[in-house]
PDB file of N, CA and C in Angstrom:
ATOM      1  N   MET A   1      26.149 -18.889 -45.514  1.00  0.00           N
ATOM      2  CA  MET A   1      26.785 -18.927 -44.226  1.00  0.00           C
ATOM      3  C   MET A   1      25.761 -18.576 -43.158  1.00  0.00           C
ATOM      4  N   GLY A   2      25.803 -19.302 -42.095  1.00  0.00           N
ATOM      5  CA  GLY A   2      24.909 -19.046 -40.985  1.00  0.00           C
ATOM      6  C   GLY A   2      25.432 -19.754 -39.752  1.00  0.00           C
ATOM      7  N   PRO A   3      24.699 -19.680 -38.657  1.00  0.00           N
ATOM      8  CA  PRO A   3      25.133 -20.371 -37.445  1.00  0.00           C
ATOM      9  C   PRO A   3      25.240 -21.872 -37.686  1.00  0.00           C
ATOM     10  N   ASP A   4      26.312 -22.467 -37.235  1.00  0.00           N
ATOM     11  CA  ASP A   4      26.560 -23.879 -37.505  1.00  0.00           C
ATOM     12  C   ASP A   4      27.270 -24.501 -36.312  1.00  0.00           C
ATOM     13  N   PHE A   5      26.617 -25.446 -35.644  1.00  0.00           N
ATOM     14  CA  PHE A   5      27.217 -26.098 -34.483  1.00  0.00           C
ATOM     15  C   PHE A   5      28.294 -27.103 -34.865  1.00  0.00           C
ATOM     16  N   SER A   6      28.242 -27.646 -36.072  1.00  0.00           N
ATOM     17  CA  SER A   6      29.187 -28.689 -36.462  1.00  0.00           C
ATOM     18  C   SER A   6      30.439 -28.141 -37.136  1.00  0.00           C
ATOM     19  N   ALA A   7      30.605 -26.835 -37.187  1.00  0.00           N
ATOM     20  CA  ALA A   7      31.706 -26.232 -37.932  1.00  0.00           C
ATOM     21  C   ALA A   7      32.875 -25.836 -37.041  1.00  0.00           C
ATOM     22  N   LEU A   8      33.012 -26.450 -35.896  1.00  0.00           N
ATOM     23  CA  LEU A   8      34.065 -26.038 -34.982  1.00  0.00           C
ATOM     24  C   LEU A   8      35.446 -26.533 -35.373  1.00  0.00           C
ATOM     25  N   ASP A   9      35.541 -27.429 -36.355  1.00  0.00           N
ATOM     26  CA  ASP A   9      36.864 -27.870 -36.802  1.00  0.00           C
ATOM     27  C   ASP A   9      37.555 -26.816 -37.650  1.00  0.00           C
ATOM     28  N   GLY A  10      36.804 -25.938 -38.289  1.00  0.00           N
ATOM     29  CA  GLY A  10      37.352 -24.778 -38.977  1.00  0.00           C
ATOM     30  C   GLY A  10      38.158 -25.091 -40.210  1.00  0.00           C
ATOM     31  N   THR A  11      37.585 -25.841 -41.146  1.00  0.00           N
ATOM     32  CA  THR A  11      38.316 -26.174 -42.356  1.00  0.00           C
ATOM     33  C   THR A  11      38.252 -25.070 -43.412  1.00  0.00           C
ATOM     34  N   SER A  12      37.266 -24.183 -43.335  1.00  0.00           N
ATOM     35  CA  SER A  12      37.197 -23.068 -44.274  1.00  0.00           C
ATOM     36  C   SER A  12      36.777 -21.811 -43.521  1.00  0.00           C
ATOM     37  N   ILE A  13      36.955 -20.687 -44.168  1.00  0.00           N
ATOM     38  CA  ILE A  13      36.639 -19.412 -43.521  1.00  0.00           C
ATOM     39  C   ILE A  13      35.141 -19.291 -43.246  1.00  0.00           C
ATOM     40  N   GLU A  14      34.316 -19.839 -44.137  1.00  0.00           N
ATOM     41  CA  GLU A  14      32.871 -19.788 -43.915  1.00  0.00           C
ATOM     42  C   GLU A  14      32.482 -20.582 -42.671  1.00  0.00           C
ATOM     43  N   GLN A  15      33.132 -21.728 -42.455  1.00  0.00           N
ATOM     44  CA  GLN A  15      32.835 -22.539 -41.279  1.00  0.00           C
ATOM     45  C   GLN A  15      33.305 -21.865 -39.999  1.00  0.00           C
ATOM     46  N   VAL A  16      34.456 -21.221 -40.049  1.00  0.00           N
ATOM     47  CA  VAL A  16      34.962 -20.519 -38.866  1.00  0.00           C
ATOM     48  C   VAL A  16      34.031 -19.365 -38.497  1.00  0.00           C
ATOM     49  N   ILE A  17      33.597 -18.596 -39.488  1.00  0.00           N
ATOM     50  CA  ILE A  17      32.694 -17.485 -39.235  1.00  0.00           C
ATOM     51  C   ILE A  17      31.350 -17.999 -38.738  1.00  0.00           C
ATOM     52  N   GLY A  18      30.867 -19.099 -39.290  1.00  0.00           N
ATOM     53  CA  GLY A  18      29.611 -19.688 -38.828  1.00  0.00           C
ATOM     54  C   GLY A  18      29.703 -20.149 -37.379  1.00  0.00           C
ATOM     55  N   ALA A  19      30.836 -20.740 -37.006  1.00  0.00           N
ATOM     56  CA  ALA A  19      31.026 -21.182 -35.622  1.00  0.00           C
ATOM     57  C   ALA A  19      31.097 -19.981 -34.680  1.00  0.00           C
ATOM     58  N   LEU A  20      31.794 -18.917 -35.081  1.00  0.00           N
ATOM     59  CA  LEU A  20      31.852 -17.710 -34.256  1.00  0.00           C
ATOM     60  C   LEU A  20      30.475 -17.060 -34.130  1.00  0.00           C
ATOM     61  N   LEU A  21      29.709 -17.073 -35.201  1.00  0.00           N
ATOM     62  CA  LEU A  21      28.362 -16.522 -35.165  1.00  0.00           C
ATOM     63  C   LEU A  21      27.489 -17.307 -34.189  1.00  0.00           C
ATOM     64  N   THR A  22      27.656 -18.612 -34.164  1.00  0.00           N
ATOM     65  CA  THR A  22      26.913 -19.445 -33.220  1.00  0.00           C
ATOM     66  C   THR A  22      27.241 -19.073 -31.786  1.00  0.00           C
ATOM     67  N   VAL A  23      28.522 -18.920 -31.489  1.00  0.00           N
ATOM     68  CA  VAL A  23      28.940 -18.578 -30.131  1.00  0.00           C
ATOM     69  C   VAL A  23      28.416 -17.202 -29.731  1.00  0.00           C
ATOM     70  N   VAL A  24      28.484 -16.243 -30.626  1.00  0.00           N
ATOM     71  CA  VAL A  24      28.010 -14.882 -30.325  1.00  0.00           C
ATOM     72  C   VAL A  24      26.502 -14.878 -30.087  1.00  0.00           C
ATOM     73  N   LEU A  25      25.750 -15.594 -30.889  1.00  0.00           N
ATOM     74  CA  LEU A  25      24.303 -15.617 -30.714  1.00  0.00           C
ATOM     75  C   LEU A  25      23.894 -16.301 -29.413  1.00  0.00           C
ATOM     76  N   ILE A  26      24.582 -17.378 -29.036  1.00  0.00           N
ATOM     77  CA  ILE A  26      24.295 -18.047 -27.763  1.00  0.00           C
ATOM     78  C   ILE A  26      24.618 -17.112 -26.601  1.00  0.00           C
ATOM     79  N   ALA A  27      25.744 -16.417 -26.672  1.00  0.00           N
ATOM     80  CA  ALA A  27      26.107 -15.480 -25.604  1.00  0.00           C
ATOM     81  C   ALA A  27      25.123 -14.315 -25.529  1.00  0.00           C
ATOM     82  N   ALA A  28      24.649 -13.843 -26.676  1.00  0.00           N
ATOM     83  CA  ALA A  28      23.690 -12.731 -26.679  1.00  0.00           C
ATOM     84  C   ALA A  28      22.363 -13.146 -26.051  1.00  0.00           C
ATOM     85  N   VAL A  29      21.901 -14.339 -26.356  1.00  0.00           N
ATOM     86  CA  VAL A  29      20.642 -14.807 -25.763  1.00  0.00           C
ATOM     87  C   VAL A  29      20.803 -15.016 -24.259  1.00  0.00           C
ATOM     88  N   ALA A  30      21.929 -15.589 -23.837  1.00  0.00           N
ATOM     89  CA  ALA A  30      22.157 -15.800 -22.408  1.00  0.00           C
ATOM     90  C   ALA A  30      22.234 -14.473 -21.659  1.00  0.00           C
ATOM     91  N   SER A  31      22.929 -13.504 -22.220  1.00  0.00           N
ATOM     92  CA  SER A  31      23.028 -12.212 -21.548  1.00  0.00           C
ATOM     93  C   SER A  31      21.691 -11.473 -21.571  1.00  0.00           C
ATOM     94  N   LEU A  32      20.894 -11.674 -22.613  1.00  0.00           N
ATOM     95  CA  LEU A  32      19.567 -11.077 -22.656  1.00  0.00           C
ATOM     96  C   LEU A  32      18.688 -11.616 -21.535  1.00  0.00           C
ATOM     97  N   VAL A  33      18.729 -12.908 -21.326  1.00  0.00           N
ATOM     98  CA  VAL A  33      17.924 -13.516 -20.261  1.00  0.00           C
ATOM     99  C   VAL A  33      18.378 -13.015 -18.891  1.00  0.00           C
ATOM    100  N   ILE A  34      19.678 -12.990 -18.659  1.00  0.00           N
ATOM    101  CA  ILE A  34      20.207 -12.545 -17.370  1.00  0.00           C
ATOM    102  C   ILE A  34      19.874 -11.070 -17.126  1.00  0.00           C
ATOM    103  N   ALA A  35      20.059 -10.231 -18.136  1.00  0.00           N
ATOM    104  CA  ALA A  35      19.773  -8.801 -17.976  1.00  0.00           C
ATOM    105  C   ALA A  35      18.286  -8.548 -17.753  1.00  0.00           C
ATOM    106  N   ALA A  36      17.427  -9.316 -18.413  1.00  0.00           N
ATOM    107  CA  ALA A  36      15.988  -9.148 -18.212  1.00  0.00           C
ATOM    108  C   ALA A  36      15.581  -9.551 -16.801  1.00  0.00           C
ATOM    109  N   ILE A  37      16.207 -10.595 -16.267  1.00  0.00           N
ATOM    110  CA  ILE A  37      15.932 -11.002 -14.888  1.00  0.00           C
ATOM    111  C   ILE A  37      16.386  -9.914 -13.921  1.00  0.00           C
ATOM    112  N   ILE A  38      17.561  -9.349 -14.151  1.00  0.00           N
ATOM    113  CA  ILE A  38      18.065  -8.276 -13.290  1.00  0.00           C
ATOM    114  C   ILE A  38      17.147  -7.054 -13.372  1.00  0.00           C
ATOM    115  N   TRP A  39      16.681  -6.733 -14.555  1.00  0.00           N
ATOM    116  CA  TRP A  39      15.760  -5.609 -14.739  1.00  0.00           C
ATOM    117  C   TRP A  39      14.472  -5.848 -13.958  1.00  0.00           C
ATOM    118  N   ALA A  40      13.942  -7.069 -14.039  1.00  0.00           N
ATOM    119  CA  ALA A  40      12.707  -7.393 -13.327  1.00  0.00           C
ATOM    120  C   ALA A  40      12.895  -7.333 -11.813  1.00  0.00           C
ATOM    121  N   ILE A  41      14.014  -7.847 -11.320  1.00  0.00           N
ATOM    122  CA  ILE A  41      14.275  -7.808  -9.882  1.00  0.00           C
ATOM    123  C   ILE A  41      14.430  -6.361  -9.413  1.00  0.00           C
ATOM    124  N   GLY A  42      15.150  -5.561 -10.169  1.00  0.00           N
ATOM    125  CA  GLY A  42      15.329  -4.157  -9.808  1.00  0.00           C
ATOM    126  C   GLY A  42      14.029  -3.387  -9.792  1.00  0.00           C
ATOM    127  N   THR A  43      13.172  -3.649 -10.781  1.00  0.00           N
ATOM    128  CA  THR A  43      11.879  -2.968 -10.825  1.00  0.00           C
ATOM    129  C   THR A  43      10.975  -3.444  -9.694  1.00  0.00           C
ATOM    130  N   GLY A  44      11.002  -4.731  -9.438  1.00  0.00           N
ATOM    131  CA  GLY A  44      10.140  -5.292  -8.403  1.00  0.00           C
ATOM    132  C   GLY A  44      10.506  -4.848  -7.000  1.00  0.00           C
ATOM    133  N   THR A  45      11.781  -4.619  -6.756  1.00  0.00           N
ATOM    134  CA  THR A  45      12.217  -4.208  -5.423  1.00  0.00           C
ATOM    135  C   THR A  45      12.303  -2.693  -5.276  1.00  0.00           C
ATOM    136  N   GLY A  46      12.071  -1.980  -6.343  1.00  0.00           N
ATOM    137  CA  GLY A  46      12.133  -0.525  -6.280  1.00  0.00           C
ATOM    138  C   GLY A  46      13.546   0.021  -6.328  1.00  0.00           C
ATOM    139  N   ASN A  47      14.498  -0.794  -6.714  1.00  0.00           N
ATOM    140  CA  ASN A  47      15.892  -0.370  -6.820  1.00  0.00           C
ATOM    141  C   ASN A  47      16.102   0.160  -8.243  1.00  0.00           C
ATOM    142  N   TRP A  48      16.040   1.466  -8.410  1.00  0.00           N
ATOM    143  CA  TRP A  48      16.102   2.048  -9.752  1.00  0.00           C
ATOM    144  C   TRP A  48      17.479   1.894 -10.385  1.00  0.00           C
ATOM    145  N   GLN A  49      18.527   1.815  -9.574  1.00  0.00           N
ATOM    146  CA  GLN A  49      19.869   1.638 -10.139  1.00  0.00           C
ATOM    147  C   GLN A  49      20.016   0.249 -10.755  1.00  0.00           C
ATOM    148  N   LEU A  50      19.514  -0.770 -10.062  1.00  0.00           N
ATOM    149  CA  LEU A  50      19.571  -2.130 -10.581  1.00  0.00           C
ATOM    150  C   LEU A  50      18.688  -2.263 -11.819  1.00  0.00           C
ATOM    151  N   ALA A  51      17.521  -1.645 -11.794  1.00  0.00           N
ATOM    152  CA  ALA A  51      16.634  -1.683 -12.951  1.00  0.00           C
ATOM    153  C   ALA A  51      17.273  -0.992 -14.156  1.00  0.00           C
ATOM    154  N   SER A  52      17.978   0.096 -13.908  1.00  0.00           N
ATOM    155  CA  SER A  52      18.650   0.809 -14.989  1.00  0.00           C
ATOM    156  C   SER A  52      19.763  -0.035 -15.606  1.00  0.00           C
ATOM    157  N   LYS A  53      20.534  -0.721 -14.765  1.00  0.00           N
ATOM    158  CA  LYS A  53      21.603  -1.592 -15.277  1.00  0.00           C
ATOM    159  C   LYS A  53      21.026  -2.766 -16.059  1.00  0.00           C
ATOM    160  N   GLY A  54      19.920  -3.326 -15.568  1.00  0.00           N
ATOM    161  CA  GLY A  54      19.276  -4.415 -16.291  1.00  0.00           C
ATOM    162  C   GLY A  54      18.725  -3.975 -17.626  1.00  0.00           C
ATOM    163  N   ARG A  55      18.143  -2.776 -17.668  1.00  0.00           N
ATOM    164  CA  ARG A  55      17.609  -2.239 -18.921  1.00  0.00           C
ATOM    165  C   ARG A  55      18.740  -2.002 -19.924  1.00  0.00           C
ATOM    166  N   LEU A  56      19.846  -1.442 -19.447  1.00  0.00           N
ATOM    167  CA  LEU A  56      20.993  -1.214 -20.320  1.00  0.00           C
ATOM    168  C   LEU A  56      21.561  -2.541 -20.840  1.00  0.00           C
ATOM    169  N   GLY A  57      21.659  -3.530 -19.965  1.00  0.00           N
ATOM    170  CA  GLY A  57      22.141  -4.848 -20.384  1.00  0.00           C
ATOM    171  C   GLY A  57      21.237  -5.492 -21.411  1.00  0.00           C
ATOM    172  N   THR A  58      19.938  -5.304 -21.249  1.00  0.00           N
ATOM    173  CA  THR A  58      18.983  -5.849 -22.212  1.00  0.00           C
ATOM    174  C   THR A  58      19.158  -5.190 -23.578  1.00  0.00           C
ATOM    175  N   LEU A  59      19.318  -3.889 -23.589  1.00  0.00           N
ATOM    176  CA  LEU A  59      19.513  -3.183 -24.859  1.00  0.00           C
ATOM    177  C   LEU A  59      20.831  -3.573 -25.524  1.00  0.00           C
ATOM    178  N   VAL A  60      21.879  -3.745 -24.739  1.00  0.00           N
ATOM    179  CA  VAL A  60      23.172  -4.158 -25.292  1.00  0.00           C
ATOM    180  C   VAL A  60      23.076  -5.564 -25.879  1.00  0.00           C
ATOM    181  N   ALA A  61      22.386  -6.468 -25.181  1.00  0.00           N
ATOM    182  CA  ALA A  61      22.235  -7.839 -25.684  1.00  0.00           C
ATOM    183  C   ALA A  61      21.425  -7.861 -26.976  1.00  0.00           C
ATOM    184  N   LEU A  62      20.372  -7.057 -27.046  1.00  0.00           N
ATOM    185  CA  LEU A  62      19.588  -6.980 -28.283  1.00  0.00           C
ATOM    186  C   LEU A  62      20.422  -6.402 -29.427  1.00  0.00           C
ATOM    187  N   GLY A  63      21.217  -5.376 -29.125  1.00  0.00           N
ATOM    188  CA  GLY A  63      22.091  -4.800 -30.148  1.00  0.00           C
ATOM    189  C   GLY A  63      23.146  -5.784 -30.625  1.00  0.00           C
ATOM    190  N   THR A  64      23.670  -6.573 -29.708  1.00  0.00           N
ATOM    191  CA  THR A  64      24.674  -7.570 -30.077  1.00  0.00           C
ATOM    192  C   THR A  64      24.072  -8.629 -30.994  1.00  0.00           C
ATOM    193  N   GLY A  65      22.875  -9.085 -30.659  1.00  0.00           N
ATOM    194  CA  GLY A  65      22.201 -10.063 -31.521  1.00  0.00           C
ATOM    195  C   GLY A  65      21.903  -9.502 -32.903  1.00  0.00           C
ATOM    196  N   ALA A  66      21.454  -8.263 -32.947  1.00  0.00           N
ATOM    197  CA  ALA A  66      21.167  -7.625 -34.235  1.00  0.00           C
ATOM    198  C   ALA A  66      22.447  -7.437 -35.053  1.00  0.00           C
ATOM    199  N   ALA A  67      23.530  -7.044 -34.383  1.00  0.00           N
ATOM    200  CA  ALA A  67      24.799  -6.858 -35.090  1.00  0.00           C
ATOM    201  C   ALA A  67      25.342  -8.187 -35.603  1.00  0.00           C
ATOM    202  N   ALA A  68      25.150  -9.259 -34.838  1.00  0.00           N
ATOM    203  CA  ALA A  68      25.600 -10.570 -35.298  1.00  0.00           C
ATOM    204  C   ALA A  68      24.806 -11.013 -36.523  1.00  0.00           C
ATOM    205  N   GLY A  69      23.502 -10.764 -36.506  1.00  0.00           N
ATOM    206  CA  GLY A  69      22.691 -11.099 -37.680  1.00  0.00           C
ATOM    207  C   GLY A  69      23.070 -10.268 -38.889  1.00  0.00           C
ATOM    208  N   ALA A  70      23.299  -8.988 -38.676  1.00  0.00           N
ATOM    209  CA  ALA A  70      23.715  -8.122 -39.778  1.00  0.00           C
ATOM    210  C   ALA A  70      25.106  -8.498 -40.276  1.00  0.00           C
ATOM    211  N   GLY A  71      25.971  -8.912 -39.345  1.00  0.00           N
ATOM    212  CA  GLY A  71      27.312  -9.349 -39.741  1.00  0.00           C
ATOM    213  C   GLY A  71      27.273 -10.592 -40.612  1.00  0.00           C
ATOM    214  N   GLY A  72      26.368 -11.509 -40.297  1.00  0.00           N
ATOM    215  CA  GLY A  72      26.209 -12.703 -41.129  1.00  0.00           C
ATOM    216  C   GLY A  72      25.733 -12.359 -42.519  1.00  0.00           C
ATOM    217  N   ALA A  73      24.776 -11.449 -42.609  1.00  0.00           N
ATOM    218  CA  ALA A  73      24.284 -11.012 -43.924  1.00  0.00           C
ATOM    219  C   ALA A  73      25.378 -10.291 -44.707  1.00  0.00           C
ATOM    220  N   LEU A  74      26.163  -9.473 -44.011  1.00  0.00           N
ATOM    221  CA  LEU A  74      27.262  -8.772 -44.673  1.00  0.00           C
ATOM    222  C   LEU A  74      28.318  -9.752 -45.185  1.00  0.00           C
ATOM    223  N   MET A  75      28.638 -10.754 -44.375  1.00  0.00           N
ATOM    224  CA  MET A  75      29.635 -11.740 -44.808  1.00  0.00           C
ATOM    225  C   MET A  75      29.129 -12.539 -46.007  1.00  0.00           C
ATOM    226  N   ASN A  76      27.852 -12.906 -46.016  1.00  0.00           N
ATOM    227  CA  ASN A  76      27.291 -13.605 -47.177  1.00  0.00           C
ATOM    228  C   ASN A  76      27.383 -12.744 -48.426  1.00  0.00           C
ATOM    229  N   TRP A  77      27.109 -11.451 -48.288  1.00  0.00           N
ATOM    230  CA  TRP A  77      27.196 -10.554 -49.433  1.00  0.00           C
ATOM    231  C   TRP A  77      28.631 -10.454 -49.938  1.00  0.00           C
ATOM    232  N   LEU A  78      29.581 -10.327 -48.998  1.00  0.00           N
ATOM    233  CA  LEU A  78      30.985 -10.213 -49.389  1.00  0.00           C
ATOM    234  C   LEU A  78      31.505 -11.495 -50.027  1.00  0.00           C
ATOM    235  N   ILE A  79      31.077 -12.645 -49.504  1.00  0.00           N
ATOM    236  CA  ILE A  79      31.496 -13.924 -50.090  1.00  0.00           C
ATOM    237  C   ILE A  79      30.951 -14.062 -51.509  1.00  0.00           C
ATOM    238  N   ASN A  80      29.683 -13.712 -51.702  1.00  0.00           N
ATOM    239  CA  ASN A  80      29.102 -13.763 -53.048  1.00  0.00           C
ATOM    240  C   ASN A  80      29.767 -12.752 -53.970  1.00  0.00           C
ATOM    241  N   LEU A  81      30.110 -11.579 -53.467  1.00  0.00           N
ATOM    242  CA  LEU A  81      30.787 -10.579 -54.277  1.00  0.00           C
ATOM    243  C   LEU A  81      32.172 -11.063 -54.682  1.00  0.00           C
ATOM    244  N   GLY A  82      32.878 -11.675 -53.764  1.00  0.00           N
ATOM    245  CA  GLY A  82      34.225 -12.172 -54.064  1.00  0.00           C
ATOM    246  C   GLY A  82      34.233 -13.322 -55.042  1.00  0.00           C
ATOM    247  N   SER A  83      33.208 -14.160 -55.021  1.00  0.00           N
ATOM    248  CA  SER A  83      33.165 -15.288 -55.953  1.00  0.00           C
ATOM    249  C   SER A  83      32.846 -14.849 -57.378  1.00  0.00           C
ATOM    250  N   ARG A  84      32.258 -13.657 -57.541  1.00  0.00           N
ATOM    251  CA  ARG A  84      31.951 -13.151 -58.891  1.00  0.00           C
ATOM    252  C   ARG A  84      33.122 -12.417 -59.501  1.00  0.00           C
ATOM    253  N   MET A  85      34.132 -12.068 -58.723  1.00  0.00           N
ATOM    254  CA  MET A  85      35.255 -11.306 -59.268  1.00  0.00           C
ATOM    255  C   MET A  85      36.290 -12.191 -59.853  1.00  0.00           C
TER     256      MET A  85
END
């Protein structure tokens, strides 16, 4: 199971999870880019509050991407565990 753009019809649980993983990863990358731009603008203008919000957004986006990757690995492990029982 992994990110899959063609799995939006949702015929099996693996395809549904793969489609959700794709959406989460795209959103995490988009929010990472936006937060990094906000961080750069805040730092460049000397606005420490804006820079702080951008830094926090960047860390949250990185954490979301990492959690999505770990979630995919966990789901693969659980699927393999369930097929052996």
